[in-house]
Amino acid sequence: MSKRYISKELGKLIDGKVINVISSHTTTESREISINKDYKTWIGYGTIVPQVNNRSTVEEEFHRGDEQSFHSPDEQLFHQDKTNIKTNINTGDSHTHDLFERVWKEYPNKKGKGAVSKKTKKKLDEIGEENILKAIRKYKKYCEENEWYTPLFGSTFFNTGIHDYLPTEEPEKPKKQPREIKVLTESDQVELFKRMEQERQDKINARKQRMRGEG
């Protein structure tokens, strides 16, 4: 706990009349404080009194290292959240480390393991174990088909080379809409026949006109 934080909390307690200032801080002497036992005059605090000495000095509290029980609900939540965040970070790091160890075992050239950065390991975690293993299998197949080719160092493959062998998602092809089949009614059939007959007659008349013109 920092001195600044303690001073801030003491200031709140003084403003709330929980603590009385007996003597102010000077260049030669520390400020002297005591608990205000007239609980009814407290502002914004309950009546449960933290167990502290009646008289103490700010400097004595700093050097003694005793963290007095002036914890507000916000401070307790802060420490709880900090603990939860630390636990989550440790859990995430452990998962990332374990995943990397598993995929490393599958890679053929196990050189440069220490050169794989934490940033790369986190990216591998985001890619996912299944996709990484697919990329390794694809790369190993390439190496087997080209005997002259020497596999990259593990560090080179995982830091940069893996992206060339990761599976790619093919864009989904648009589905063809089924053709609508129209069922002709009897009246539709008659109308269609008339239209076809008219077109045939128009062609005959056009042919006759061309013959007359040529004659």
N, C-alpha and C. Protein backbone atom coordinates (compact mmCIF):
# COMPACT_ATOMS: atom_id res chain seq x y z
N MET A 1 0.85 -1.19 0.00
CA MET A 1 0.00 0.00 0.00
C MET A 1 0.88 1.24 0.00
N SER A 2 0.61 2.20 -0.87
CA SER A 2 1.47 3.37 -1.01
C SER A 2 1.15 4.41 0.06
N LYS A 3 2.11 5.30 0.32
CA LYS A 3 1.92 6.39 1.28
C LYS A 3 0.83 7.35 0.79
N ARG A 4 0.78 7.55 -0.53
CA ARG A 4 -0.21 8.46 -1.08
C ARG A 4 -1.62 7.94 -0.81
N TYR A 5 -1.79 6.62 -0.97
CA TYR A 5 -3.11 6.04 -0.74
C TYR A 5 -3.51 6.18 0.73
N ILE A 6 -2.56 5.90 1.65
CA ILE A 6 -2.86 6.00 3.08
C ILE A 6 -3.22 7.44 3.45
N SER A 7 -2.47 8.40 2.92
CA SER A 7 -2.75 9.80 3.20
C SER A 7 -4.14 10.19 2.70
N LYS A 8 -4.50 9.68 1.53
CA LYS A 8 -5.80 9.99 0.96
C LYS A 8 -6.92 9.44 1.84
N GLU A 9 -6.75 8.18 2.28
CA GLU A 9 -7.77 7.55 3.12
C GLU A 9 -7.87 8.24 4.48
N LEU A 10 -6.72 8.64 5.04
CA LEU A 10 -6.74 9.36 6.31
C LEU A 10 -7.49 10.69 6.17
N GLY A 11 -7.29 11.33 5.01
CA GLY A 11 -7.97 12.59 4.75
C GLY A 11 -9.49 12.41 4.74
N LYS A 12 -9.93 11.30 4.15
CA LYS A 12 -11.36 11.01 4.11
C LYS A 12 -11.92 10.80 5.52
N LEU A 13 -11.14 10.07 6.34
CA LEU A 13 -11.59 9.79 7.71
C LEU A 13 -11.62 11.06 8.56
N ILE A 14 -10.66 11.93 8.30
CA ILE A 14 -10.64 13.21 9.03
C ILE A 14 -11.83 14.07 8.62
N ASP A 15 -12.11 14.10 7.29
CA ASP A 15 -13.26 14.87 6.81
C ASP A 15 -14.57 14.30 7.35
N GLY A 16 -14.61 12.99 7.52
CA GLY A 16 -15.81 12.35 8.05
C GLY A 16 -15.90 12.36 9.56
N LYS A 17 -14.93 13.02 10.20
CA LYS A 17 -14.90 13.17 11.66
C LYS A 17 -14.76 11.82 12.38
N VAL A 18 -14.19 10.85 11.68
CA VAL A 18 -13.89 9.56 12.32
C VAL A 18 -12.58 9.68 13.09
N ILE A 19 -11.68 10.50 12.59
CA ILE A 19 -10.38 10.71 13.22
C ILE A 19 -10.23 12.19 13.55
N ASN A 20 -9.74 12.45 14.75
CA ASN A 20 -9.46 13.81 15.19
C ASN A 20 -7.97 14.10 15.02
N VAL A 21 -7.64 15.29 14.58
CA VAL A 21 -6.24 15.71 14.48
C VAL A 21 -5.90 16.45 15.77
N ILE A 22 -5.00 15.83 16.56
CA ILE A 22 -4.61 16.44 17.84
C ILE A 22 -3.58 17.53 17.61
N SER A 23 -2.61 17.24 16.79
CA SER A 23 -1.60 18.25 16.46
C SER A 23 -1.22 18.12 15.00
N SER A 24 -1.06 19.23 14.31
CA SER A 24 -0.76 19.21 12.89
C SER A 24 0.70 18.88 12.63
N HIS A 25 0.97 18.50 11.40
CA HIS A 25 2.32 18.16 10.97
C HIS A 25 3.18 19.43 10.89
N THR A 26 4.39 19.31 11.40
CA THR A 26 5.36 20.42 11.28
C THR A 26 6.63 19.89 10.66
N THR A 27 7.58 20.78 10.48
CA THR A 27 8.85 20.36 9.87
C THR A 27 9.66 19.46 10.79
N THR A 28 9.34 19.50 12.07
CA THR A 28 10.12 18.71 13.04
C THR A 28 9.33 17.58 13.67
N GLU A 29 8.00 17.69 13.67
CA GLU A 29 7.18 16.67 14.31
C GLU A 29 6.07 16.21 13.38
N SER A 30 5.69 14.94 13.56
CA SER A 30 4.64 14.35 12.74
C SER A 30 3.27 14.74 13.25
N ARG A 31 2.30 14.62 12.40
CA ARG A 31 0.93 14.89 12.80
C ARG A 31 0.47 13.82 13.78
N GLU A 32 -0.28 14.24 14.80
CA GLU A 32 -0.76 13.30 15.82
C GLU A 32 -2.28 13.21 15.70
N ILE A 33 -2.79 11.97 15.64
CA ILE A 33 -4.22 11.77 15.43
C ILE A 33 -4.77 10.79 16.45
N SER A 34 -6.12 10.76 16.57
CA SER A 34 -6.78 9.82 17.48
C SER A 34 -8.17 9.52 16.94
N ILE A 35 -8.75 8.39 17.40
CA ILE A 35 -10.09 8.01 16.99
C ILE A 35 -11.12 8.89 17.70
N ASN A 36 -12.11 9.38 16.97
CA ASN A 36 -13.21 10.13 17.55
C ASN A 36 -14.24 9.13 18.08
N LYS A 37 -14.36 9.03 19.38
CA LYS A 37 -15.26 8.03 19.98
C LYS A 37 -16.71 8.52 20.08
N ASP A 38 -16.93 9.73 19.66
CA ASP A 38 -18.30 10.22 19.60
C ASP A 38 -18.89 9.81 18.25
N TYR A 39 -19.33 8.55 18.19
CA TYR A 39 -19.71 7.96 16.91
C TYR A 39 -20.86 8.69 16.21
N LYS A 40 -21.69 9.34 17.00
CA LYS A 40 -22.84 10.02 16.41
C LYS A 40 -22.43 11.17 15.51
N THR A 41 -21.24 11.67 15.70
CA THR A 41 -20.78 12.81 14.89
C THR A 41 -20.11 12.37 13.59
N TRP A 42 -19.94 11.06 13.43
CA TRP A 42 -19.31 10.57 12.20
C TRP A 42 -20.20 10.88 11.01
N ILE A 43 -19.56 11.18 9.89
CA ILE A 43 -20.29 11.50 8.66
C ILE A 43 -19.98 10.45 7.60
N GLY A 44 -21.02 9.70 7.22
CA GLY A 44 -20.86 8.73 6.13
C GLY A 44 -20.23 7.43 6.54
N TYR A 45 -20.12 7.11 7.82
CA TYR A 45 -19.53 5.86 8.29
C TYR A 45 -20.45 5.22 9.32
N GLY A 46 -20.37 3.88 9.43
CA GLY A 46 -21.14 3.15 10.43
C GLY A 46 -20.51 3.29 11.79
N THR A 47 -20.93 2.44 12.69
CA THR A 47 -20.45 2.54 14.07
C THR A 47 -19.45 1.46 14.42
N ILE A 48 -19.03 0.62 13.42
CA ILE A 48 -18.02 -0.41 13.70
C ILE A 48 -16.65 0.24 13.60
N VAL A 49 -15.92 0.25 14.69
CA VAL A 49 -14.66 0.98 14.75
C VAL A 49 -13.50 0.06 14.44
N PRO A 50 -12.65 0.39 13.48
CA PRO A 50 -11.45 -0.41 13.25
C PRO A 50 -10.56 -0.40 14.48
N GLN A 51 -9.88 -1.50 14.70
CA GLN A 51 -9.02 -1.61 15.88
C GLN A 51 -7.67 -0.97 15.59
N VAL A 52 -7.48 0.25 16.12
CA VAL A 52 -6.22 0.97 15.96
C VAL A 52 -5.85 1.57 17.30
N ASN A 53 -4.61 1.97 17.43
CA ASN A 53 -4.18 2.65 18.65
C ASN A 53 -4.86 4.00 18.75
N ASN A 54 -5.13 4.43 19.99
CA ASN A 54 -5.78 5.73 20.17
C ASN A 54 -4.91 6.86 19.65
N ARG A 55 -3.63 6.73 19.82
CA ARG A 55 -2.72 7.77 19.36
C ARG A 55 -1.66 7.13 18.48
N SER A 56 -1.46 7.71 17.33
CA SER A 56 -0.42 7.22 16.43
C SER A 56 -0.01 8.36 15.53
N THR A 57 1.03 8.19 14.82
CA THR A 57 1.49 9.20 13.87
C THR A 57 1.54 8.58 12.49
N VAL A 58 1.42 9.44 11.48
CA VAL A 58 1.45 8.94 10.11
C VAL A 58 2.76 8.24 9.82
N GLU A 59 3.87 8.84 10.30
CA GLU A 59 5.18 8.25 10.04
C GLU A 59 5.32 6.89 10.71
N GLU A 60 4.78 6.76 11.92
CA GLU A 60 4.87 5.48 12.61
C GLU A 60 4.13 4.41 11.82
N GLU A 61 2.96 4.79 11.23
CA GLU A 61 2.20 3.82 10.46
C GLU A 61 2.98 3.39 9.23
N PHE A 62 3.68 4.35 8.59
CA PHE A 62 4.46 4.01 7.40
C PHE A 62 5.57 3.04 7.74
N HIS A 63 6.34 3.34 8.80
CA HIS A 63 7.52 2.55 9.10
C HIS A 63 7.18 1.22 9.75
N ARG A 64 6.09 1.17 10.52
CA ARG A 64 5.71 -0.07 11.18
C ARG A 64 5.19 -1.07 10.17
N GLY A 65 4.61 -0.58 9.07
CA GLY A 65 4.08 -1.48 8.05
C GLY A 65 2.74 -2.07 8.42
N ASP A 66 2.09 -1.57 9.49
CA ASP A 66 0.78 -2.08 9.89
C ASP A 66 -0.27 -1.44 8.99
N GLU A 67 -1.02 -2.28 8.28
CA GLU A 67 -2.09 -1.77 7.43
C GLU A 67 -3.36 -1.75 8.26
N GLN A 68 -3.78 -0.55 8.66
CA GLN A 68 -4.95 -0.42 9.51
C GLN A 68 -6.21 -0.73 8.70
N SER A 69 -7.26 -1.12 9.39
CA SER A 69 -8.49 -1.57 8.74
C SER A 69 -9.37 -0.40 8.35
N PHE A 70 -8.85 0.47 7.45
CA PHE A 70 -9.63 1.58 6.94
C PHE A 70 -10.08 1.28 5.52
N HIS A 71 -10.39 0.01 5.24
CA HIS A 71 -10.71 -0.39 3.87
C HIS A 71 -12.16 -0.08 3.55
N SER A 72 -12.37 0.68 2.48
CA SER A 72 -13.72 0.97 2.02
C SER A 72 -14.17 -0.17 1.11
N PRO A 73 -15.49 -0.28 0.84
CA PRO A 73 -15.96 -1.31 -0.09
C PRO A 73 -15.31 -1.22 -1.46
N ASP A 74 -15.05 0.02 -1.94
CA ASP A 74 -14.40 0.17 -3.25
C ASP A 74 -13.01 -0.43 -3.24
N GLU A 75 -12.28 -0.21 -2.13
CA GLU A 75 -10.92 -0.75 -2.06
C GLU A 75 -10.95 -2.27 -2.03
N GLN A 76 -11.91 -2.84 -1.28
CA GLN A 76 -12.01 -4.29 -1.22
C GLN A 76 -12.32 -4.87 -2.59
N LEU A 77 -13.24 -4.21 -3.34
CA LEU A 77 -13.55 -4.67 -4.69
C LEU A 77 -12.35 -4.56 -5.60
N PHE A 78 -11.56 -3.46 -5.41
CA PHE A 78 -10.35 -3.28 -6.23
C PHE A 78 -9.38 -4.44 -6.04
N HIS A 79 -9.13 -4.80 -4.77
CA HIS A 79 -8.21 -5.90 -4.50
C HIS A 79 -8.76 -7.23 -4.99
N GLN A 80 -10.08 -7.41 -4.89
CA GLN A 80 -10.68 -8.64 -5.38
C GLN A 80 -10.56 -8.74 -6.89
N ASP A 81 -10.86 -7.62 -7.59
CA ASP A 81 -10.75 -7.62 -9.05
C ASP A 81 -9.32 -7.85 -9.48
N LYS A 82 -8.35 -7.24 -8.74
CA LYS A 82 -6.95 -7.42 -9.10
C LYS A 82 -6.55 -8.89 -8.97
N THR A 83 -7.05 -9.55 -7.92
CA THR A 83 -6.75 -10.97 -7.73
C THR A 83 -7.36 -11.81 -8.84
N ASN A 84 -8.62 -11.47 -9.21
CA ASN A 84 -9.28 -12.22 -10.28
C ASN A 84 -8.57 -12.04 -11.61
N ILE A 85 -8.15 -10.80 -11.90
CA ILE A 85 -7.43 -10.53 -13.15
C ILE A 85 -6.13 -11.31 -13.19
N LYS A 86 -5.40 -11.31 -12.07
CA LYS A 86 -4.13 -12.03 -12.02
C LYS A 86 -4.36 -13.52 -12.24
N THR A 87 -5.44 -14.07 -11.64
CA THR A 87 -5.75 -15.49 -11.82
C THR A 87 -6.07 -15.79 -13.26
N ASN A 88 -6.87 -14.91 -13.90
CA ASN A 88 -7.24 -15.12 -15.30
C ASN A 88 -6.03 -15.06 -16.21
N ILE A 89 -5.13 -14.12 -15.93
CA ILE A 89 -3.92 -13.99 -16.75
C ILE A 89 -3.07 -15.25 -16.63
N ASN A 90 -2.90 -15.74 -15.39
CA ASN A 90 -2.10 -16.94 -15.19
C ASN A 90 -2.73 -18.14 -15.88
N THR A 91 -4.07 -18.24 -15.80
CA THR A 91 -4.76 -19.34 -16.46
C THR A 91 -4.59 -19.28 -17.96
N GLY A 92 -4.72 -18.05 -18.53
CA GLY A 92 -4.55 -17.88 -19.97
C GLY A 92 -3.13 -18.21 -20.43
N ASP A 93 -2.14 -17.78 -19.66
CA ASP A 93 -0.75 -18.07 -20.00
C ASP A 93 -0.49 -19.56 -19.97
N SER A 94 -1.08 -20.25 -19.00
CA SER A 94 -0.88 -21.69 -18.89
C SER A 94 -1.48 -22.41 -20.09
N HIS A 95 -2.67 -21.98 -20.51
CA HIS A 95 -3.33 -22.60 -21.66
C HIS A 95 -2.51 -22.37 -22.93
N THR A 96 -2.01 -21.14 -23.10
CA THR A 96 -1.20 -20.81 -24.27
C THR A 96 0.08 -21.63 -24.29
N HIS A 97 0.71 -21.77 -23.14
CA HIS A 97 1.96 -22.54 -23.04
C HIS A 97 1.72 -24.01 -23.37
N ASP A 98 0.66 -24.58 -22.81
CA ASP A 98 0.37 -26.01 -23.03
C ASP A 98 0.07 -26.27 -24.50
N LEU A 99 -0.69 -25.36 -25.14
CA LEU A 99 -1.00 -25.54 -26.55
C LEU A 99 0.26 -25.51 -27.39
N PHE A 100 1.16 -24.58 -27.09
CA PHE A 100 2.39 -24.48 -27.86
C PHE A 100 3.24 -25.74 -27.70
N GLU A 101 3.31 -26.28 -26.50
CA GLU A 101 4.09 -27.50 -26.26
C GLU A 101 3.54 -28.66 -27.09
N ARG A 102 2.23 -28.74 -27.20
CA ARG A 102 1.62 -29.85 -27.95
C ARG A 102 1.91 -29.74 -29.45
N VAL A 103 1.74 -28.54 -30.01
CA VAL A 103 1.96 -28.40 -31.46
C VAL A 103 3.44 -28.46 -31.80
N TRP A 104 4.30 -28.03 -30.87
CA TRP A 104 5.75 -28.10 -31.11
C TRP A 104 6.20 -29.55 -31.30
N LYS A 105 5.61 -30.45 -30.56
CA LYS A 105 5.98 -31.87 -30.67
C LYS A 105 5.67 -32.42 -32.05
N GLU A 106 4.70 -31.84 -32.75
CA GLU A 106 4.30 -32.35 -34.06
C GLU A 106 5.15 -31.80 -35.19
N TYR A 107 5.93 -30.75 -34.90
CA TYR A 107 6.71 -30.12 -35.97
C TYR A 107 8.03 -30.88 -36.18
N PRO A 108 8.45 -31.08 -37.43
CA PRO A 108 9.62 -31.93 -37.71
C PRO A 108 10.98 -31.36 -37.29
N ASN A 109 11.20 -30.06 -37.44
CA ASN A 109 12.51 -29.47 -37.13
C ASN A 109 12.42 -28.68 -35.83
N LYS A 110 12.87 -29.29 -34.75
CA LYS A 110 12.68 -28.70 -33.42
C LYS A 110 13.87 -27.82 -33.01
N LYS A 111 14.22 -26.89 -33.87
CA LYS A 111 15.30 -25.95 -33.55
C LYS A 111 14.71 -24.55 -33.38
N GLY A 112 15.28 -23.81 -32.43
CA GLY A 112 14.87 -22.42 -32.22
C GLY A 112 13.65 -22.27 -31.34
N LYS A 113 13.39 -23.24 -30.49
CA LYS A 113 12.19 -23.17 -29.64
C LYS A 113 12.18 -21.92 -28.77
N GLY A 114 13.33 -21.57 -28.24
CA GLY A 114 13.42 -20.41 -27.36
C GLY A 114 13.22 -19.09 -28.07
N ALA A 115 13.29 -19.11 -29.41
CA ALA A 115 13.14 -17.88 -30.18
C ALA A 115 11.68 -17.59 -30.54
N VAL A 116 10.78 -18.46 -30.15
CA VAL A 116 9.35 -18.22 -30.40
C VAL A 116 8.85 -17.28 -29.31
N SER A 117 8.44 -16.10 -29.70
CA SER A 117 8.07 -15.06 -28.73
C SER A 117 6.71 -15.33 -28.08
N LYS A 118 6.48 -14.65 -26.95
CA LYS A 118 5.18 -14.76 -26.28
C LYS A 118 4.06 -14.23 -27.17
N LYS A 119 4.38 -13.18 -27.92
CA LYS A 119 3.39 -12.61 -28.83
C LYS A 119 2.96 -13.63 -29.87
N THR A 120 3.93 -14.38 -30.40
CA THR A 120 3.61 -15.42 -31.38
C THR A 120 2.77 -16.52 -30.75
N LYS A 121 3.12 -16.91 -29.52
CA LYS A 121 2.36 -17.97 -28.84
C LYS A 121 0.91 -17.56 -28.62
N LYS A 122 0.69 -16.28 -28.30
CA LYS A 122 -0.67 -15.80 -28.13
C LYS A 122 -1.44 -15.84 -29.45
N LYS A 123 -0.75 -15.50 -30.54
CA LYS A 123 -1.39 -15.56 -31.86
C LYS A 123 -1.74 -17.00 -32.23
N LEU A 124 -0.85 -17.93 -31.87
CA LEU A 124 -1.12 -19.34 -32.13
C LEU A 124 -2.36 -19.79 -31.36
N ASP A 125 -2.49 -19.29 -30.14
CA ASP A 125 -3.67 -19.62 -29.33
C ASP A 125 -4.94 -19.12 -30.01
N GLU A 126 -4.85 -17.95 -30.63
CA GLU A 126 -6.01 -17.39 -31.33
C GLU A 126 -6.33 -18.19 -32.60
N ILE A 127 -5.30 -18.68 -33.27
CA ILE A 127 -5.50 -19.49 -34.49
C ILE A 127 -6.22 -20.79 -34.14
N GLY A 128 -5.85 -21.39 -33.02
CA GLY A 128 -6.50 -22.63 -32.60
C GLY A 128 -5.65 -23.85 -32.92
N GLU A 129 -5.70 -24.81 -32.01
CA GLU A 129 -4.86 -26.01 -32.15
C GLU A 129 -5.18 -26.80 -33.41
N GLU A 130 -6.45 -26.94 -33.73
CA GLU A 130 -6.84 -27.74 -34.89
C GLU A 130 -6.26 -27.16 -36.18
N ASN A 131 -6.37 -25.85 -36.35
CA ASN A 131 -5.83 -25.21 -37.57
C ASN A 131 -4.31 -25.30 -37.63
N ILE A 132 -3.66 -25.18 -36.47
CA ILE A 132 -2.20 -25.28 -36.43
C ILE A 132 -1.75 -26.67 -36.86
N LEU A 133 -2.41 -27.70 -36.34
CA LEU A 133 -2.05 -29.08 -36.68
C LEU A 133 -2.29 -29.35 -38.16
N LYS A 134 -3.35 -28.77 -38.73
CA LYS A 134 -3.60 -28.92 -40.17
C LYS A 134 -2.47 -28.29 -40.98
N ALA A 135 -2.01 -27.11 -40.52
CA ALA A 135 -0.91 -26.43 -41.22
C ALA A 135 0.38 -27.24 -41.14
N ILE A 136 0.66 -27.83 -39.98
CA ILE A 136 1.87 -28.65 -39.81
C ILE A 136 1.80 -29.88 -40.71
N ARG A 137 0.65 -30.55 -40.75
CA ARG A 137 0.51 -31.74 -41.60
C ARG A 137 0.69 -31.38 -43.08
N LYS A 138 0.13 -30.24 -43.47
CA LYS A 138 0.27 -29.80 -44.86
C LYS A 138 1.73 -29.50 -45.19
N TYR A 139 2.44 -28.88 -44.25
CA TYR A 139 3.85 -28.55 -44.46
C TYR A 139 4.71 -29.82 -44.48
N LYS A 140 4.43 -30.76 -43.60
CA LYS A 140 5.18 -32.02 -43.57
C LYS A 140 4.99 -32.80 -44.88
N LYS A 141 3.78 -32.75 -45.42
CA LYS A 141 3.51 -33.42 -46.70
C LYS A 141 4.34 -32.79 -47.81
N TYR A 142 4.43 -31.45 -47.78
CA TYR A 142 5.24 -30.76 -48.78
C TYR A 142 6.71 -31.17 -48.67
N CYS A 143 7.21 -31.27 -47.45
CA CYS A 143 8.60 -31.66 -47.23
C CYS A 143 8.86 -33.08 -47.69
N GLU A 144 7.89 -33.98 -47.48
CA GLU A 144 8.05 -35.38 -47.90
C GLU A 144 8.04 -35.51 -49.42
N GLU A 145 7.24 -34.67 -50.08
CA GLU A 145 7.15 -34.72 -51.54
C GLU A 145 8.36 -34.07 -52.20
N ASN A 146 9.09 -33.24 -51.46
CA ASN A 146 10.29 -32.58 -51.99
C ASN A 146 11.47 -32.92 -51.08
N GLU A 147 12.09 -34.02 -51.36
CA GLU A 147 13.15 -34.54 -50.49
C GLU A 147 14.35 -33.60 -50.41
N TRP A 148 14.55 -32.80 -51.42
CA TRP A 148 15.68 -31.86 -51.43
C TRP A 148 15.49 -30.72 -50.43
N TYR A 149 14.24 -30.53 -50.01
CA TYR A 149 13.88 -29.37 -49.17
C TYR A 149 14.11 -29.68 -47.70
N THR A 150 14.80 -28.78 -47.01
CA THR A 150 15.04 -28.92 -45.57
C THR A 150 14.00 -28.12 -44.80
N PRO A 151 13.28 -28.74 -43.87
CA PRO A 151 12.25 -28.01 -43.12
C PRO A 151 12.83 -26.80 -42.38
N LEU A 152 12.06 -25.75 -42.31
CA LEU A 152 12.47 -24.55 -41.59
C LEU A 152 12.66 -24.85 -40.10
N PHE A 153 13.49 -24.01 -39.46
CA PHE A 153 13.58 -24.10 -38.00
C PHE A 153 12.17 -23.91 -37.43
N GLY A 154 11.92 -24.55 -36.32
CA GLY A 154 10.62 -24.41 -35.69
C GLY A 154 10.26 -22.97 -35.39
N SER A 155 11.26 -22.20 -34.96
CA SER A 155 11.01 -20.78 -34.64
C SER A 155 10.57 -20.01 -35.87
N THR A 156 11.21 -20.27 -37.03
CA THR A 156 10.86 -19.58 -38.27
C THR A 156 9.46 -19.95 -38.73
N PHE A 157 9.15 -21.24 -38.61
CA PHE A 157 7.83 -21.70 -39.06
C PHE A 157 6.72 -21.08 -38.23
N PHE A 158 6.86 -21.13 -36.90
CA PHE A 158 5.78 -20.65 -36.04
C PHE A 158 5.70 -19.12 -36.02
N ASN A 159 6.83 -18.45 -36.18
CA ASN A 159 6.81 -16.97 -36.16
C ASN A 159 6.24 -16.39 -37.44
N THR A 160 6.53 -17.02 -38.59
CA THR A 160 6.09 -16.43 -39.86
C THR A 160 5.54 -17.46 -40.85
N GLY A 161 6.23 -18.59 -41.03
CA GLY A 161 5.91 -19.51 -42.11
C GLY A 161 4.55 -20.19 -42.04
N ILE A 162 4.02 -20.33 -40.85
CA ILE A 162 2.78 -21.09 -40.67
C ILE A 162 1.61 -20.49 -41.45
N HIS A 163 1.63 -19.18 -41.66
CA HIS A 163 0.48 -18.51 -42.29
C HIS A 163 0.28 -18.96 -43.74
N ASP A 164 1.35 -19.49 -44.38
CA ASP A 164 1.22 -19.95 -45.75
C ASP A 164 0.54 -21.31 -45.84
N TYR A 165 0.39 -21.98 -44.71
CA TYR A 165 -0.15 -23.34 -44.72
C TYR A 165 -1.44 -23.49 -43.92
N LEU A 166 -1.92 -22.40 -43.38
CA LEU A 166 -3.18 -22.46 -42.63
C LEU A 166 -4.34 -22.69 -43.59
N PRO A 167 -5.33 -23.44 -43.17
CA PRO A 167 -6.50 -23.68 -44.03
C PRO A 167 -7.25 -22.38 -44.28
N THR A 168 -7.72 -22.22 -45.50
CA THR A 168 -8.48 -21.03 -45.86
C THR A 168 -9.93 -21.42 -46.08
N GLU A 169 -10.80 -20.54 -45.70
CA GLU A 169 -12.22 -20.79 -45.87
C GLU A 169 -12.66 -20.35 -47.26
N GLU A 170 -13.26 -21.28 -48.00
CA GLU A 170 -13.75 -20.95 -49.33
C GLU A 170 -15.04 -20.16 -49.21
N PRO A 171 -15.16 -19.10 -50.02
CA PRO A 171 -16.40 -18.31 -49.96
C PRO A 171 -17.60 -19.16 -50.34
N GLU A 172 -18.66 -18.98 -49.66
CA GLU A 172 -19.86 -19.77 -49.91
C GLU A 172 -20.48 -19.37 -51.25
N LYS A 173 -20.72 -20.38 -52.09
CA LYS A 173 -21.29 -20.12 -53.40
C LYS A 173 -22.77 -19.80 -53.27
N PRO A 174 -23.21 -18.80 -54.02
CA PRO A 174 -24.64 -18.46 -53.95
C PRO A 174 -25.50 -19.60 -54.48
N LYS A 175 -26.55 -19.88 -53.79
CA LYS A 175 -27.43 -20.97 -54.20
C LYS A 175 -28.29 -20.53 -55.39
N LYS A 176 -28.41 -21.45 -56.36
CA LYS A 176 -29.22 -21.16 -57.53
C LYS A 176 -30.69 -21.25 -57.16
N GLN A 177 -31.40 -20.24 -57.58
CA GLN A 177 -32.83 -20.23 -57.33
C GLN A 177 -33.53 -21.17 -58.31
N PRO A 178 -34.39 -22.04 -57.82
CA PRO A 178 -35.10 -22.96 -58.73
C PRO A 178 -35.99 -22.18 -59.70
N ARG A 179 -36.00 -22.66 -60.95
CA ARG A 179 -36.82 -22.00 -61.96
C ARG A 179 -38.30 -22.23 -61.67
N GLU A 180 -39.02 -21.16 -61.82
CA GLU A 180 -40.45 -21.25 -61.56
C GLU A 180 -41.15 -21.84 -62.79
N ILE A 181 -41.87 -22.90 -62.58
CA ILE A 181 -42.60 -23.55 -63.67
C ILE A 181 -44.06 -23.08 -63.63
N LYS A 182 -44.46 -22.44 -64.71
CA LYS A 182 -45.81 -21.92 -64.77
C LYS A 182 -46.72 -22.92 -65.48
N VAL A 183 -47.79 -23.25 -64.85
CA VAL A 183 -48.78 -24.16 -65.43
C VAL A 183 -49.79 -23.33 -66.21
N LEU A 184 -49.89 -23.62 -67.55
CA LEU A 184 -50.79 -22.85 -68.40
C LEU A 184 -52.22 -23.36 -68.26
N THR A 185 -53.09 -22.41 -68.08
CA THR A 185 -54.52 -22.76 -68.07
C THR A 185 -55.00 -22.89 -69.51
N GLU A 186 -56.23 -23.32 -69.69
CA GLU A 186 -56.78 -23.49 -71.03
C GLU A 186 -56.83 -22.16 -71.77
N SER A 187 -57.20 -21.10 -71.07
CA SER A 187 -57.26 -19.77 -71.71
C SER A 187 -55.87 -19.30 -72.09
N ASP A 188 -54.85 -19.61 -71.22
CA ASP A 188 -53.47 -19.23 -71.54
C ASP A 188 -53.01 -19.95 -72.80
N GLN A 189 -53.38 -21.22 -72.95
CA GLN A 189 -52.98 -22.00 -74.12
C GLN A 189 -53.59 -21.43 -75.40
N VAL A 190 -54.86 -21.03 -75.32
CA VAL A 190 -55.53 -20.45 -76.48
C VAL A 190 -54.85 -19.14 -76.88
N GLU A 191 -54.51 -18.30 -75.85
CA GLU A 191 -53.87 -17.03 -76.12
C GLU A 191 -52.49 -17.24 -76.74
N LEU A 192 -51.75 -18.24 -76.23
CA LEU A 192 -50.43 -18.55 -76.76
C LEU A 192 -50.52 -19.02 -78.20
N PHE A 193 -51.50 -19.85 -78.51
CA PHE A 193 -51.69 -20.35 -79.88
C PHE A 193 -51.99 -19.20 -80.84
N LYS A 194 -52.86 -18.27 -80.40
CA LYS A 194 -53.20 -17.11 -81.24
C LYS A 194 -51.96 -16.28 -81.54
N ARG A 195 -51.11 -16.09 -80.51
CA ARG A 195 -49.92 -15.28 -80.68
C ARG A 195 -48.95 -15.94 -81.65
N MET A 196 -48.79 -17.25 -81.55
CA MET A 196 -47.89 -17.99 -82.44
C MET A 196 -48.41 -17.96 -83.87
N GLU A 197 -49.72 -18.11 -84.01
CA GLU A 197 -50.33 -18.08 -85.34
C GLU A 197 -50.17 -16.71 -85.98
N GLN A 198 -50.30 -15.65 -85.17
CA GLN A 198 -50.14 -14.29 -85.68
C GLN A 198 -48.71 -14.04 -86.13
N GLU A 199 -47.74 -14.53 -85.34
CA GLU A 199 -46.34 -14.39 -85.73
C GLU A 199 -46.05 -15.12 -87.03
N ARG A 200 -46.64 -16.33 -87.19
CA ARG A 200 -46.43 -17.10 -88.42
C ARG A 200 -47.01 -16.37 -89.63
N GLN A 201 -48.21 -15.79 -89.43
CA GLN A 201 -48.86 -15.07 -90.52
C GLN A 201 -48.06 -13.82 -90.88
N ASP A 202 -47.51 -13.13 -89.89
CA ASP A 202 -46.70 -11.94 -90.14
C ASP A 202 -45.46 -12.29 -90.97
N LYS A 203 -44.84 -13.42 -90.69
CA LYS A 203 -43.67 -13.85 -91.47
C LYS A 203 -44.03 -14.14 -92.92
N ILE A 204 -45.22 -14.78 -93.13
CA ILE A 204 -45.65 -15.09 -94.49
C ILE A 204 -45.89 -13.81 -95.29
N ASN A 205 -46.56 -12.84 -94.65
CA ASN A 205 -46.85 -11.58 -95.34
C ASN A 205 -45.56 -10.84 -95.66
N ALA A 206 -44.60 -10.89 -94.74
CA ALA A 206 -43.34 -10.20 -94.98
C ALA A 206 -42.60 -10.84 -96.15
N ARG A 207 -42.66 -12.17 -96.24
CA ARG A 207 -41.98 -12.87 -97.34
C ARG A 207 -42.63 -12.50 -98.67
N LYS A 208 -43.99 -12.41 -98.72
CA LYS A 208 -44.70 -12.06 -99.95
C LYS A 208 -44.32 -10.66 -100.41
N GLN A 209 -44.19 -9.74 -99.47
CA GLN A 209 -43.83 -8.37 -99.84
C GLN A 209 -42.44 -8.31 -100.42
N ARG A 210 -41.52 -9.10 -99.87
CA ARG A 210 -40.15 -9.10 -100.42
C ARG A 210 -40.14 -9.64 -101.85
N MET A 211 -40.98 -10.71 -102.10
CA MET A 211 -41.02 -11.31 -103.44
C MET A 211 -41.58 -10.33 -104.45
N ARG A 212 -42.59 -9.55 -104.03
CA ARG A 212 -43.17 -8.56 -104.94
C ARG A 212 -42.16 -7.46 -105.27
N GLY A 213 -41.42 -7.11 -104.27
CA GLY A 213 -40.45 -6.06 -104.49
C GLY A 213 -39.35 -6.52 -105.45
N GLU A 214 -38.98 -7.79 -105.32
CA GLU A 214 -37.93 -8.32 -106.19
C GLU A 214 -38.44 -8.48 -107.62
N GLY A 215 -39.78 -8.79 -107.74
CA GLY A 215 -40.37 -8.98 -109.07
C GLY A 215 -40.50 -7.65 -109.78
